[in-house]
PDB file of N, CA and C in Angstrom:
ATOM      1  N   UNK A   1     -52.448  67.934 -68.135  1.00  0.00           N
ATOM      2  CA  UNK A   1     -51.928  67.791 -66.286  1.00  0.00           C
ATOM      3  C   UNK A   1     -51.384  66.603 -66.408  1.00  0.00           C
ATOM      4  N   UNK A   2     -50.340  67.483 -64.962  1.00  0.00           N
ATOM      5  CA  UNK A   2     -49.389  66.482 -64.827  1.00  0.00           C
ATOM      6  C   UNK A   2     -49.901  65.440 -64.034  1.00  0.00           C
ATOM      7  N   UNK A   3     -49.196  64.183 -63.577  1.00  0.00           N
ATOM      8  CA  UNK A   3     -49.354  63.348 -62.555  1.00  0.00           C
ATOM      9  C   UNK A   3     -49.656  62.981 -61.764  1.00  0.00           C
ATOM     10  N   UNK A   4     -50.811  62.906 -60.445  1.00  0.00           N
ATOM     11  CA  UNK A   4     -50.689  63.627 -58.842  1.00  0.00           C
ATOM     12  C   UNK A   4     -49.635  62.704 -58.496  1.00  0.00           C
ATOM     13  N   UNK A   5     -49.406  62.810 -57.374  1.00  0.00           N
ATOM     14  CA  UNK A   5     -47.865  62.057 -56.868  1.00  0.00           C
ATOM     15  C   UNK A   5     -48.983  61.993 -55.422  1.00  0.00           C
ATOM     16  N   UNK A   6     -49.123  60.192 -55.045  1.00  0.00           N
ATOM     17  CA  UNK A   6     -49.546  60.060 -54.189  1.00  0.00           C
ATOM     18  C   UNK A   6     -48.892  59.747 -52.512  1.00  0.00           C
ATOM     19  N   UNK A   7     -47.567  59.783 -52.889  1.00  0.00           N
ATOM     20  CA  UNK A   7     -46.797  59.168 -51.875  1.00  0.00           C
ATOM     21  C   UNK A   7     -46.374  60.859 -51.095  1.00  0.00           C
ATOM     22  N   UNK A   8     -45.625  60.698 -49.751  1.00  0.00           N
ATOM     23  CA  UNK A   8     -44.998  61.890 -49.492  1.00  0.00           C
ATOM     24  C   UNK A   8     -44.364  61.863 -48.287  1.00  0.00           C
ATOM     25  N   UNK A   9     -43.699  62.298 -48.224  1.00  0.00           N
ATOM     26  CA  UNK A   9     -42.909  61.844 -46.638  1.00  0.00           C
ATOM     27  C   UNK A   9     -42.833  63.243 -45.830  1.00  0.00           C
ATOM     28  N   UNK A  10     -43.684  62.461 -44.633  1.00  0.00           N
ATOM     29  CA  UNK A  10     -43.857  63.016 -43.498  1.00  0.00           C
ATOM     30  C   UNK A  10     -43.433  63.224 -42.078  1.00  0.00           C
ATOM     31  N   UNK A  11     -42.205  64.501 -42.008  1.00  0.00           N
ATOM     32  CA  UNK A  11     -41.032  64.591 -41.389  1.00  0.00           C
ATOM     33  C   UNK A  11     -41.714  65.070 -39.627  1.00  0.00           C
ATOM     34  N   UNK A  12     -41.837  64.456 -38.254  1.00  0.00           N
ATOM     35  CA  UNK A  12     -42.187  65.146 -37.543  1.00  0.00           C
ATOM     36  C   UNK A  12     -41.705  66.124 -37.186  1.00  0.00           C
ATOM     37  N   UNK A  13     -41.713  67.255 -36.586  1.00  0.00           N
ATOM     38  CA  UNK A  13     -41.274  68.439 -36.104  1.00  0.00           C
ATOM     39  C   UNK A  13     -40.979  68.106 -34.893  1.00  0.00           C
ATOM     40  N   UNK A  14     -41.344  67.316 -34.208  1.00  0.00           N
ATOM     41  CA  UNK A  14     -40.887  67.090 -32.544  1.00  0.00           C
ATOM     42  C   UNK A  14     -39.491  66.446 -32.528  1.00  0.00           C
ATOM     43  N   UNK A  15     -39.518  64.840 -33.463  1.00  0.00           N
ATOM     44  CA  UNK A  15     -37.943  63.793 -33.333  1.00  0.00           C
ATOM     45  C   UNK A  15     -38.018  64.002 -33.890  1.00  0.00           C
ATOM     46  N   UNK A  16     -37.771  64.546 -35.413  1.00  0.00           N
ATOM     47  CA  UNK A  16     -37.725  64.479 -36.635  1.00  0.00           C
ATOM     48  C   UNK A  16     -37.559  63.526 -37.680  1.00  0.00           C
ATOM     49  N   UNK A  17     -38.697  62.175 -37.061  1.00  0.00           N
ATOM     50  CA  UNK A  17     -39.381  61.342 -37.329  1.00  0.00           C
ATOM     51  C   UNK A  17     -39.107  61.116 -38.800  1.00  0.00           C
ATOM     52  N   UNK A  18     -38.946  60.785 -40.244  1.00  0.00           N
ATOM     53  CA  UNK A  18     -39.278  60.906 -41.349  1.00  0.00           C
ATOM     54  C   UNK A  18     -40.393  59.411 -41.635  1.00  0.00           C
ATOM     55  N   UNK A  19     -40.935  59.856 -42.684  1.00  0.00           N
ATOM     56  CA  UNK A  19     -41.780  58.044 -42.922  1.00  0.00           C
ATOM     57  C   UNK A  19     -42.291  58.766 -44.002  1.00  0.00           C
ATOM     58  N   UNK A  20     -42.699  57.404 -45.163  1.00  0.00           N
ATOM     59  CA  UNK A  20     -43.273  57.979 -46.171  1.00  0.00           C
ATOM     60  C   UNK A  20     -45.079  56.876 -46.057  1.00  0.00           C
ATOM     61  N   UNK A  21     -45.946  58.384 -46.370  1.00  0.00           N
ATOM     62  CA  UNK A  21     -47.660  57.445 -45.880  1.00  0.00           C
ATOM     63  C   UNK A  21     -47.891  58.111 -47.614  1.00  0.00           C
ATOM     64  N   UNK A  22     -48.893  57.013 -47.936  1.00  0.00           N
ATOM     65  CA  UNK A  22     -49.701  57.386 -48.871  1.00  0.00           C
ATOM     66  C   UNK A  22     -50.467  58.372 -48.750  1.00  0.00           C
ATOM     67  N   UNK A  23     -51.202  59.117 -49.630  1.00  0.00           N
ATOM     68  CA  UNK A  23     -52.145  60.005 -49.387  1.00  0.00           C
ATOM     69  C   UNK A  23     -53.271  59.796 -49.326  1.00  0.00           C
ATOM     70  N   UNK A  24     -54.573  60.478 -48.684  1.00  0.00           N
ATOM     71  CA  UNK A  24     -55.918  60.326 -49.259  1.00  0.00           C
ATOM     72  C   UNK A  24     -56.176  60.868 -50.474  1.00  0.00           C
ATOM     73  N   UNK A  25     -57.443  60.110 -51.409  1.00  0.00           N
ATOM     74  CA  UNK A  25     -57.880  61.275 -52.778  1.00  0.00           C
ATOM     75  C   UNK A  25     -59.127  62.044 -52.055  1.00  0.00           C
ATOM     76  N   UNK A  26     -59.296  61.122 -51.164  1.00  0.00           N
ATOM     77  CA  UNK A  26     -60.814  61.339 -51.278  1.00  0.00           C
ATOM     78  C   UNK A  26     -61.543  62.112 -49.786  1.00  0.00           C
ATOM     79  N   UNK A  27     -59.876  62.344 -49.044  1.00  0.00           N
ATOM     80  CA  UNK A  27     -60.768  62.817 -47.807  1.00  0.00           C
ATOM     81  C   UNK A  27     -58.922  64.097 -47.615  1.00  0.00           C
ATOM     82  N   UNK A  28     -59.120  64.540 -46.509  1.00  0.00           N
ATOM     83  CA  UNK A  28     -58.378  65.479 -45.775  1.00  0.00           C
ATOM     84  C   UNK A  28     -57.885  64.832 -44.737  1.00  0.00           C
ATOM     85  N   UNK A  29     -56.436  65.106 -44.464  1.00  0.00           N
ATOM     86  CA  UNK A  29     -56.129  64.021 -43.605  1.00  0.00           C
ATOM     87  C   UNK A  29     -55.737  64.966 -42.255  1.00  0.00           C
ATOM     88  N   UNK A  30     -55.911  65.366 -41.455  1.00  0.00           N
ATOM     89  CA  UNK A  30     -55.652  66.940 -40.473  1.00  0.00           C
ATOM     90  C   UNK A  30     -55.448  66.719 -39.431  1.00  0.00           C
ATOM     91  N   UNK A  31     -54.998  64.696 -39.147  1.00  0.00           N
ATOM     92  CA  UNK A  31     -54.376  64.404 -37.450  1.00  0.00           C
ATOM     93  C   UNK A  31     -53.486  63.564 -38.226  1.00  0.00           C
ATOM     94  N   UNK A  32     -52.267  63.446 -37.793  1.00  0.00           N
ATOM     95  CA  UNK A  32     -51.349  62.073 -37.498  1.00  0.00           C
ATOM     96  C   UNK A  32     -50.320  61.999 -36.523  1.00  0.00           C
ATOM     97  N   UNK A  33     -50.245  60.743 -36.528  1.00  0.00           N
ATOM     98  CA  UNK A  33     -49.628  60.569 -35.033  1.00  0.00           C
ATOM     99  C   UNK A  33     -48.136  60.101 -35.430  1.00  0.00           C
ATOM    100  N   UNK A  34     -47.539  60.792 -35.416  1.00  0.00           N
ATOM    101  CA  UNK A  34     -45.738  60.066 -35.423  1.00  0.00           C
ATOM    102  C   UNK A  34     -45.699  58.591 -35.016  1.00  0.00           C
ATOM    103  N   UNK A  35     -45.068  57.527 -35.712  1.00  0.00           N
ATOM    104  CA  UNK A  35     -44.560  56.341 -35.325  1.00  0.00           C
ATOM    105  C   UNK A  35     -43.957  56.289 -34.449  1.00  0.00           C
ATOM    106  N   UNK A  36     -42.799  57.732 -33.907  1.00  0.00           N
ATOM    107  CA  UNK A  36     -41.497  57.326 -33.251  1.00  0.00           C
ATOM    108  C   UNK A  36     -41.981  58.295 -31.652  1.00  0.00           C
ATOM    109  N   UNK A  37     -42.037  58.886 -31.449  1.00  0.00           N
ATOM    110  CA  UNK A  37     -42.757  59.502 -30.073  1.00  0.00           C
ATOM    111  C   UNK A  37     -44.052  59.851 -30.103  1.00  0.00           C
ATOM    112  N   UNK A  38     -45.011  59.464 -30.855  1.00  0.00           N
ATOM    113  CA  UNK A  38     -46.525  59.621 -30.250  1.00  0.00           C
ATOM    114  C   UNK A  38     -46.894  61.042 -30.534  1.00  0.00           C
ATOM    115  N   UNK A  39     -46.548  62.396 -31.220  1.00  0.00           N
ATOM    116  CA  UNK A  39     -47.261  63.272 -31.403  1.00  0.00           C
ATOM    117  C   UNK A  39     -48.177  63.569 -32.379  1.00  0.00           C
ATOM    118  N   UNK A  40     -49.072  64.445 -31.977  1.00  0.00           N
ATOM    119  CA  UNK A  40     -50.110  63.902 -32.903  1.00  0.00           C
ATOM    120  C   UNK A  40     -49.910  65.558 -33.729  1.00  0.00           C
ATOM    121  N   UNK A  41     -49.829  65.278 -34.739  1.00  0.00           N
ATOM    122  CA  UNK A  41     -49.727  66.158 -35.808  1.00  0.00           C
ATOM    123  C   UNK A  41     -51.067  66.842 -35.817  1.00  0.00           C
ATOM    124  N   UNK A  42     -51.101  68.409 -36.177  1.00  0.00           N
ATOM    125  CA  UNK A  42     -52.378  68.950 -36.994  1.00  0.00           C
ATOM    126  C   UNK A  42     -51.779  70.157 -37.913  1.00  0.00           C
ATOM    127  N   UNK A  43     -52.479  70.377 -39.236  1.00  0.00           N
ATOM    128  CA  UNK A  43     -52.074  71.893 -40.426  1.00  0.00           C
ATOM    129  C   UNK A  43     -51.243  72.813 -39.076  1.00  0.00           C
ATOM    130  N   UNK A  44     -50.361  73.320 -40.111  1.00  0.00           N
ATOM    131  CA  UNK A  44     -50.714  74.166 -39.148  1.00  0.00           C
ATOM    132  C   UNK A  44     -51.210  75.585 -39.920  1.00  0.00           C
ATOM    133  N   UNK A  45     -51.098  76.565 -39.265  1.00  0.00           N
ATOM    134  CA  UNK A  45     -52.205  77.853 -39.757  1.00  0.00           C
ATOM    135  C   UNK A  45     -51.857  77.999 -41.433  1.00  0.00           C
ATOM    136  N   UNK A  46     -52.665  78.081 -42.152  1.00  0.00           N
ATOM    137  CA  UNK A  46     -53.261  77.922 -43.307  1.00  0.00           C
ATOM    138  C   UNK A  46     -52.459  76.980 -44.335  1.00  0.00           C
ATOM    139  N   UNK A  47     -52.869  75.577 -43.560  1.00  0.00           N
ATOM    140  CA  UNK A  47     -52.646  74.600 -44.770  1.00  0.00           C
ATOM    141  C   UNK A  47     -54.102  74.131 -44.213  1.00  0.00           C
ATOM    142  N   UNK A  48     -53.897  73.145 -45.552  1.00  0.00           N
ATOM    143  CA  UNK A  48     -55.098  72.116 -45.052  1.00  0.00           C
ATOM    144  C   UNK A  48     -54.980  70.809 -44.662  1.00  0.00           C
ATOM    145  N   UNK A  49     -53.600  70.431 -44.804  1.00  0.00           N
ATOM    146  CA  UNK A  49     -53.853  69.370 -43.454  1.00  0.00           C
ATOM    147  C   UNK A  49     -52.511  68.695 -43.405  1.00  0.00           C
ATOM    148  N   UNK A  50     -52.226  67.855 -43.024  1.00  0.00           N
ATOM    149  CA  UNK A  50     -50.592  67.563 -42.505  1.00  0.00           C
ATOM    150  C   UNK A  50     -49.726  67.375 -43.698  1.00  0.00           C
ATOM    151  N   UNK A  51     -50.190  66.785 -44.763  1.00  0.00           N
ATOM    152  CA  UNK A  51     -48.988  66.813 -45.620  1.00  0.00           C
ATOM    153  C   UNK A  51     -48.971  67.857 -46.158  1.00  0.00           C
ATOM    154  N   UNK A  52     -49.605  68.943 -46.258  1.00  0.00           N
ATOM    155  CA  UNK A  52     -49.297  70.323 -47.202  1.00  0.00           C
ATOM    156  C   UNK A  52     -47.682  70.998 -45.760  1.00  0.00           C
ATOM    157  N   UNK A  53     -48.160  70.499 -44.475  1.00  0.00           N
ATOM    158  CA  UNK A  53     -47.383  71.098 -43.568  1.00  0.00           C
ATOM    159  C   UNK A  53     -46.688  70.654 -43.338  1.00  0.00           C
ATOM    160  N   UNK A  54     -46.198  69.242 -43.226  1.00  0.00           N
ATOM    161  CA  UNK A  54     -45.027  68.540 -42.883  1.00  0.00           C
ATOM    162  C   UNK A  54     -44.852  67.485 -43.988  1.00  0.00           C
ATOM    163  N   UNK A  55     -45.207  67.204 -45.081  1.00  0.00           N
ATOM    164  CA  UNK A  55     -44.749  66.367 -45.797  1.00  0.00           C
ATOM    165  C   UNK A  55     -43.921  66.864 -47.010  1.00  0.00           C
ATOM    166  N   UNK A  56     -43.491  65.601 -48.259  1.00  0.00           N
ATOM    167  CA  UNK A  56     -42.530  66.073 -49.252  1.00  0.00           C
ATOM    168  C   UNK A  56     -43.244  66.910 -50.433  1.00  0.00           C
ATOM    169  N   UNK A  57     -44.409  66.382 -50.403  1.00  0.00           N
ATOM    170  CA  UNK A  57     -45.413  66.831 -51.444  1.00  0.00           C
ATOM    171  C   UNK A  57     -46.660  67.293 -50.971  1.00  0.00           C
ATOM    172  N   UNK A  58     -47.633  67.721 -51.658  1.00  0.00           N
ATOM    173  CA  UNK A  58     -48.583  68.819 -50.826  1.00  0.00           C
ATOM    174  C   UNK A  58     -49.410  67.683 -51.545  1.00  0.00           C
ATOM    175  N   UNK A  59     -51.131  67.597 -51.021  1.00  0.00           N
ATOM    176  CA  UNK A  59     -52.475  66.947 -51.286  1.00  0.00           C
ATOM    177  C   UNK A  59     -52.365  66.752 -52.780  1.00  0.00           C
ATOM    178  N   UNK A  60     -53.244  65.722 -52.940  1.00  0.00           N
ATOM    179  CA  UNK A  60     -53.933  65.677 -54.231  1.00  0.00           C
ATOM    180  C   UNK A  60     -54.294  66.722 -54.800  1.00  0.00           C
ATOM    181  N   UNK A  61     -56.043  67.504 -54.157  1.00  0.00           N
ATOM    182  CA  UNK A  61     -56.612  68.483 -54.871  1.00  0.00           C
ATOM    183  C   UNK A  61     -55.431  69.489 -54.958  1.00  0.00           C
ATOM    184  N   UNK A  62     -54.457  69.846 -53.725  1.00  0.00           N
ATOM    185  CA  UNK A  62     -53.418  71.142 -53.945  1.00  0.00           C
ATOM    186  C   UNK A  62     -52.568  70.712 -55.571  1.00  0.00           C
ATOM    187  N   UNK A  63     -51.910  69.823 -55.951  1.00  0.00           N
ATOM    188  CA  UNK A  63     -51.461  69.562 -56.745  1.00  0.00           C
ATOM    189  C   UNK A  63     -52.217  69.656 -58.115  1.00  0.00           C
ATOM    190  N   UNK A  64     -53.745  69.492 -57.538  1.00  0.00           N
ATOM    191  CA  UNK A  64     -54.442  69.106 -59.105  1.00  0.00           C
ATOM    192  C   UNK A  64     -55.146  71.186 -59.393  1.00  0.00           C
ATOM    193  N   UNK A  65     -54.679  72.254 -58.264  1.00  0.00           N
ATOM    194  CA  UNK A  65     -54.779  73.634 -58.676  1.00  0.00           C
ATOM    195  C   UNK A  65     -55.881  73.395 -58.038  1.00  0.00           C
ATOM    196  N   UNK A  66     -56.484  72.678 -56.861  1.00  0.00           N
ATOM    197  CA  UNK A  66     -57.914  73.179 -56.318  1.00  0.00           C
ATOM    198  C   UNK A  66     -57.568  73.103 -54.775  1.00  0.00           C
ATOM    199  N   UNK A  67     -58.835  73.675 -54.167  1.00  0.00           N
ATOM    200  CA  UNK A  67     -58.974  74.196 -53.172  1.00  0.00           C
ATOM    201  C   UNK A  67     -59.030  72.715 -52.097  1.00  0.00           C
ATOM    202  N   UNK A  68     -58.564  72.659 -51.386  1.00  0.00           N
ATOM    203  CA  UNK A  68     -58.828  71.130 -50.386  1.00  0.00           C
ATOM    204  C   UNK A  68     -59.708  70.934 -49.338  1.00  0.00           C
ATOM    205  N   UNK A  69     -60.397  70.008 -49.685  1.00  0.00           N
ATOM    206  CA  UNK A  69     -61.329  70.097 -48.018  1.00  0.00           C
ATOM    207  C   UNK A  69     -62.595  70.942 -48.248  1.00  0.00           C
ATOM    208  N   UNK A  70     -62.846  71.272 -49.373  1.00  0.00           N
ATOM    209  CA  UNK A  70     -64.402  72.273 -49.496  1.00  0.00           C
ATOM    210  C   UNK A  70     -65.757  70.892 -49.516  1.00  0.00           C
TER     211      UNK A  70
END
């Protein structure tokens, strides 16, 4: 099993602001507020969390090959 990456860089689709965040390992993060423009991000259709939609790294459950948020 490969090592789980816990940091992901989220890019806001509204203002293109990027920020590195630590992903939770015990819950999905469904909402995320951009630090620059304060837009509330939600997962895109088919994604389980904001990291899977807007991050450079998928959330820990997806990295492990599991479904997220069951």
